[in-house]
Amino acid sequence: MGMPKQIEYVVRGHWPFPLDMLRHDCSVPASADDRSAIDNLSQEYAPDRAAFSDVDIRLVGPQKPNTGRWESFGWKVPSDTEHAFIKSLMQQKARDDALFAGAMAKLTEAERRAVSHRLNSRFV
């Protein structure tokens, strides 16, 4: 049996680096330079102003990264286009829901009932 497939991906962010994400995603730095960047951004205090500028760090692991969890730490996974697409759909739905709620609030009770009935009817 061959080696399990390894997925290489990039995370982008700045100090502090969420070290626990390596364990969570079962990932390791892809190179010595990536390991050095992680070490630099994992210190208790930011080593210098440069630590607050975004850097790209390459990681390797057996599974797709948990992009939502990376984002909760302020880091991005730029290559996860599926996550970005789903997130954009959810944001659009939230905007549409807010517009709908605002529009419904402007109607009288009778108008809201009529709209609700029409939306819930199978034969529009």
Protein backbone atom coordinates (compact mmCIF):
# COMPACT_ATOMS: atom_id res chain seq x y z
CA MET A 1 0.00 0.00 0.00
CA GLY A 2 1.36 3.46 -0.93
CA MET A 3 1.69 6.57 1.15
CA PRO A 4 -1.57 8.34 1.94
CA LYS A 5 -2.26 11.36 -0.26
CA GLN A 6 -0.96 14.61 1.24
CA ILE A 7 -2.74 17.89 0.63
CA GLU A 8 -0.63 21.03 0.45
CA TYR A 9 -2.31 24.33 1.14
CA VAL A 10 -1.47 27.89 2.15
CA VAL A 11 -2.72 29.79 5.17
CA ARG A 12 -2.47 33.58 5.23
CA GLY A 13 -2.41 35.72 8.33
CA HIS A 14 -0.31 37.46 10.96
CA TRP A 15 0.71 37.13 14.61
CA PRO A 16 -0.35 35.18 16.55
CA PHE A 17 -0.21 31.91 14.64
CA PRO A 18 -2.86 29.43 15.89
CA LEU A 19 -0.57 26.49 16.70
CA ASP A 20 -3.49 24.27 17.72
CA MET A 21 -4.64 24.34 14.09
CA LEU A 22 -1.67 22.15 13.16
CA ARG A 23 -2.96 19.48 15.53
CA HIS A 24 -6.57 20.01 14.51
CA ASP A 25 -5.84 19.64 10.78
CA CYS A 26 -3.08 17.03 11.35
CA SER A 27 -0.77 19.31 9.35
CA VAL A 28 2.92 20.15 9.39
CA PRO A 29 4.94 22.96 7.81
CA ALA A 30 5.84 22.22 4.19
CA SER A 31 9.42 23.52 4.54
CA ALA A 32 12.01 24.76 7.00
CA ASP A 33 11.13 28.34 6.02
CA ASP A 34 7.47 27.67 6.86
CA ARG A 35 8.52 26.16 10.22
CA SER A 36 10.62 29.25 10.92
CA ALA A 37 7.70 31.57 10.10
CA ILE A 38 5.43 29.60 12.43
CA ASP A 39 8.01 29.74 15.23
CA ASN A 40 8.37 33.49 14.73
CA LEU A 41 4.61 34.06 14.83
CA SER A 42 3.99 31.70 17.77
CA GLN A 43 5.87 33.67 20.38
CA GLU A 44 3.99 35.04 23.39
CA TYR A 45 4.62 38.58 22.18
CA ALA A 46 4.89 39.90 18.64
CA PRO A 47 8.63 40.01 17.88
CA ASP A 48 8.38 43.21 15.78
CA ARG A 49 5.99 45.25 13.63
CA ALA A 50 6.50 42.89 10.71
CA ALA A 51 4.62 40.23 12.72
CA PHE A 52 1.43 42.21 12.05
CA SER A 53 1.80 41.97 8.27
CA ASP A 54 0.15 39.01 6.58
CA VAL A 55 2.39 36.15 5.54
CA ASP A 56 1.71 32.98 3.57
CA ILE A 57 2.66 29.71 5.23
CA ARG A 58 2.54 26.42 3.33
CA LEU A 59 1.24 23.40 5.24
CA VAL A 60 0.86 19.73 4.37
CA GLY A 61 -1.67 17.33 5.82
CA PRO A 62 -3.79 14.26 5.08
CA GLN A 63 -7.06 16.17 4.82
CA LYS A 64 -8.61 19.40 3.61
CA PRO A 65 -8.09 22.20 6.14
CA ASN A 66 -10.94 23.42 8.35
CA THR A 67 -11.19 26.86 6.74
CA GLY A 68 -13.96 28.09 9.01
CA ARG A 69 -11.84 27.36 12.06
CA TRP A 70 -8.80 29.05 10.51
CA GLU A 71 -10.98 32.10 9.91
CA SER A 72 -12.08 32.11 13.55
CA PHE A 73 -8.42 32.80 14.39
CA GLY A 74 -8.19 35.58 11.78
CA TRP A 75 -6.33 33.46 9.20
CA LYS A 76 -7.46 32.65 5.65
CA VAL A 77 -7.10 29.63 3.39
CA PRO A 78 -7.07 31.36 -0.02
CA SER A 79 -7.24 28.16 -2.07
CA ASP A 80 -10.48 26.94 -0.47
CA THR A 81 -12.79 28.26 -3.18
CA GLU A 82 -15.63 25.94 -2.13
CA HIS A 83 -15.68 27.50 1.35
CA ALA A 84 -15.57 31.01 -0.15
CA PHE A 85 -18.48 30.19 -2.49
CA ILE A 86 -20.66 28.75 0.30
CA LYS A 87 -19.81 31.72 2.52
CA SER A 88 -20.84 34.16 -0.24
CA LEU A 89 -24.16 32.31 -0.71
CA MET A 90 -24.83 32.51 3.03
CA GLN A 91 -24.05 36.24 3.06
CA GLN A 92 -26.39 36.82 0.10
CA LYS A 93 -29.15 34.86 1.85
CA ALA A 94 -28.70 36.98 5.00
CA ARG A 95 -28.97 40.18 2.92
CA ASP A 96 -32.07 38.86 1.14
CA ASP A 97 -33.66 37.81 4.45
CA ALA A 98 -33.05 41.28 5.91
CA LEU A 99 -34.59 42.94 2.84
CA PHE A 100 -37.61 40.63 3.01
CA ALA A 101 -38.11 41.27 6.73
CA GLY A 102 -37.90 45.02 6.14
CA ALA A 103 -40.39 44.84 3.31
CA MET A 104 -42.81 42.70 5.33
CA ALA A 105 -42.60 45.10 8.28
CA LYS A 106 -43.97 47.90 6.05
CA LEU A 107 -47.14 45.96 5.20
CA THR A 108 -50.41 45.92 7.09
CA GLU A 109 -51.41 42.74 8.88
CA ALA A 110 -53.84 41.88 6.06
CA GLU A 111 -51.14 42.43 3.42
CA ARG A 112 -48.67 40.25 5.36
CA ARG A 113 -51.26 37.46 5.56
CA ALA A 114 -51.91 37.68 1.82
CA VAL A 115 -48.19 37.61 0.98
CA SER A 116 -47.58 34.76 3.44
CA HIS A 117 -50.48 32.80 1.99
CA ARG A 118 -49.18 33.33 -1.56
CA LEU A 119 -45.62 32.32 -0.60
CA ASN A 120 -46.86 29.16 1.13
CA SER A 121 -49.32 28.21 -1.60
CA ARG A 122 -48.36 25.48 -4.06
CA PHE A 123 -50.44 27.07 -6.80
CA VAL A 124 -49.15 30.60 -7.24
